[in-house]
C-alpha atoms as a PDB file:
ATOM      1  CA  MET A   1       6.554 -16.884   1.530  1.00  0.00           C
ATOM      2  CA  SER A   2       6.143 -13.944   3.294  1.00  0.00           C
ATOM      3  CA  HIS A   3       7.330 -10.209   3.026  1.00  0.00           C
ATOM      4  CA  LEU A   4       7.681  -7.017   5.220  1.00  0.00           C
ATOM      5  CA  CYS A   5       4.620  -4.615   5.929  1.00  0.00           C
ATOM      6  CA  HIS A   6       4.944  -1.728   3.370  1.00  0.00           C
ATOM      7  CA  ALA A   7       4.670   1.231   5.662  1.00  0.00           C
ATOM      8  CA  GLU A   8       7.950   2.865   6.350  1.00  0.00           C
ATOM      9  CA  ALA A   9      10.024   1.566   9.005  1.00  0.00           C
ATOM     10  CA  CYS A  10       7.793  -1.361   9.731  1.00  0.00           C
ATOM     11  CA  THR A  11       9.448  -4.745  10.235  1.00  0.00           C
ATOM     12  CA  ALA A  12       6.332  -6.661  10.761  1.00  0.00           C
ATOM     13  CA  VAL A  13       5.906  -9.915   8.361  1.00  0.00           C
ATOM     14  CA  VAL A  14       2.579 -10.187   6.578  1.00  0.00           C
ATOM     15  CA  SER A  15       1.264 -12.518   3.792  1.00  0.00           C
ATOM     16  CA  PRO A  16       2.247 -11.751   0.265  1.00  0.00           C
ATOM     17  CA  LYS A  17      -1.388 -10.858  -0.429  1.00  0.00           C
ATOM     18  CA  ARG A  18      -1.193  -8.187   2.205  1.00  0.00           C
ATOM     19  CA  LEU A  19       0.169  -4.752   1.793  1.00  0.00           C
ATOM     20  CA  MET A  20       0.567  -4.049   5.198  1.00  0.00           C
ATOM     21  CA  CYS A  21       0.177  -5.291   8.804  1.00  0.00           C
ATOM     22  CA  PRO A  22      -3.043  -4.805  10.535  1.00  0.00           C
ATOM     23  CA  ARG A  23      -2.029  -2.093  12.704  1.00  0.00           C
ATOM     24  CA  HIS A  24      -0.920   0.242   9.324  1.00  0.00           C
ATOM     25  CA  TRP A  25      -3.787  -1.287   7.181  1.00  0.00           C
ATOM     26  CA  ARG A  26      -6.119   0.487   9.898  1.00  0.00           C
ATOM     27  CA  MET A  27      -4.285   3.821   9.467  1.00  0.00           C
ATOM     28  CA  VAL A  28      -5.268   3.779   5.570  1.00  0.00           C
ATOM     29  CA  PRO A  29      -8.338   5.522   4.881  1.00  0.00           C
ATOM     30  CA  ARG A  30     -11.627   3.470   3.400  1.00  0.00           C
ATOM     31  CA  HIS A  31     -11.466   5.011   0.188  1.00  0.00           C
ATOM     32  CA  LEU A  32      -7.631   4.161  -0.245  1.00  0.00           C
ATOM     33  CA  GLN A  33      -8.348   0.330   1.328  1.00  0.00           C
ATOM     34  CA  SER A  34     -10.985   0.070  -1.341  1.00  0.00           C
ATOM     35  CA  ALA A  35      -9.032   1.221  -4.028  1.00  0.00           C
ATOM     36  CA  VAL A  36      -5.938  -1.103  -3.339  1.00  0.00           C
ATOM     37  CA  TRP A  37      -8.470  -3.979  -3.315  1.00  0.00           C
ATOM     38  CA  ALA A  38     -10.297  -2.820  -6.559  1.00  0.00           C
ATOM     39  CA  ASN A  39      -7.232  -3.058  -8.324  1.00  0.00           C
ATOM     40  CA  TYR A  40      -5.636  -6.218  -6.507  1.00  0.00           C
ATOM     41  CA  ARG A  41      -5.578  -9.092  -9.031  1.00  0.00           C
ATOM     42  CA  PRO A  42      -5.119 -12.471  -7.169  1.00  0.00           C
ATOM     43  CA  GLY A  43      -1.762 -13.848  -8.069  1.00  0.00           C
ATOM     44  CA  GLN A  44       0.171 -10.494  -8.951  1.00  0.00           C
ATOM     45  CA  GLU A  45       2.109 -11.155  -5.891  1.00  0.00           C
ATOM     46  CA  ILE A  46       3.360 -14.501  -7.329  1.00  0.00           C
ATOM     47  CA  ASP A  47       4.042 -13.286 -10.939  1.00  0.00           C
ATOM     48  CA  LYS A  48       5.205  -9.815  -9.949  1.00  0.00           C
ATOM     49  CA  ASN A  49       3.079  -8.039 -12.328  1.00  0.00           C
ATOM     50  CA  PRO A  50       0.774  -5.972 -10.473  1.00  0.00           C
ATOM     51  CA  SER A  51      -1.343  -3.248 -12.858  1.00  0.00           C
ATOM     52  CA  SER A  52      -0.217   0.368 -12.743  1.00  0.00           C
ATOM     53  CA  ASP A  53      -3.473   1.205 -11.037  1.00  0.00           C
ATOM     54  CA  TYR A  54      -2.772  -1.118  -8.164  1.00  0.00           C
ATOM     55  CA  LEU A  55       0.632   0.317  -7.788  1.00  0.00           C
ATOM     56  CA  THR A  56      -0.672   3.833  -7.728  1.00  0.00           C
ATOM     57  CA  ALA A  57      -3.417   2.705  -5.071  1.00  0.00           C
ATOM     58  CA  HIS A  58      -0.421   0.885  -2.968  1.00  0.00           C
ATOM     59  CA  LEU A  59       1.780   4.290  -3.212  1.00  0.00           C
ATOM     60  CA  ARG A  60      -1.144   6.324  -2.100  1.00  0.00           C
ATOM     61  CA  ALA A  61      -1.832   3.871   0.830  1.00  0.00           C
ATOM     62  CA  VAL A  62       2.098   4.094   2.048  1.00  0.00           C
ATOM     63  CA  ASN A  63       1.748   7.896   1.661  1.00  0.00           C
ATOM     64  CA  ALA A  64      -1.638   8.237   3.964  1.00  0.00           C
ATOM     65  CA  VAL A  65       0.210   6.146   6.631  1.00  0.00           C
ATOM     66  CA  ALA A  66       3.237   7.762   6.634  1.00  0.00           C
ATOM     67  CA  VAL A  67       1.350  10.974   7.093  1.00  0.00           C
ATOM     68  CA  ALA A  68      -0.699   9.559   9.463  1.00  0.00           C
ATOM     69  CA  GLU A  69       2.334   8.632  11.339  1.00  0.00           C
ATOM     70  CA  GLY A  70       3.786  12.374  11.168  1.00  0.00           C
ATOM     71  CA  ARG A  71       6.267  11.365   8.351  1.00  0.00           C
ATOM     72  CA  LYS A  72       6.721  13.189   5.057  1.00  0.00           C
ATOM     73  CA  ALA A  73       5.148  11.180   2.397  1.00  0.00           C
ATOM     74  CA  PRO A  74       7.678   8.896   0.798  1.00  0.00           C
ATOM     75  CA  TYR A  75       5.975   9.273  -2.824  1.00  0.00           C
ATOM     76  CA  PRO A  76       5.003  13.025  -3.008  1.00  0.00           C
ATOM     77  CA  GLY A  77       4.288  12.860  -6.957  1.00  0.00           C
ATOM     78  CA  VAL A  78       1.702  10.008  -6.829  1.00  0.00           C
ATOM     79  CA  GLU A  79      -1.235  12.025  -5.665  1.00  0.00           C
ATOM     80  CA  GLU A  80      -1.050  14.630  -8.937  1.00  0.00           C
ATOM     81  CA  ALA A  81      -0.283  11.207 -10.831  1.00  0.00           C
ATOM     82  CA  ALA A  82      -3.666   9.460  -9.545  1.00  0.00           C
ATOM     83  CA  ARG A  83      -5.746  12.710 -10.538  1.00  0.00           C
END
């Protein structure tokens, strides 16, 4: 089982446990990388039941990559909701 990197327009295939391909993951600021891993629960990629904290961290990481690539953040309301 695998899936595509969650960065916008990326077609790289990654392991189900990974949010992004290595190139895009390196664009995620360390504090957001830490938040993703702190809220990851082993097996969530199998049972498809991640926590709301994980989903918030996930979306913030996707936004960070989009901005780093000069794109508009695809989830603009996430920053406010995460506070």
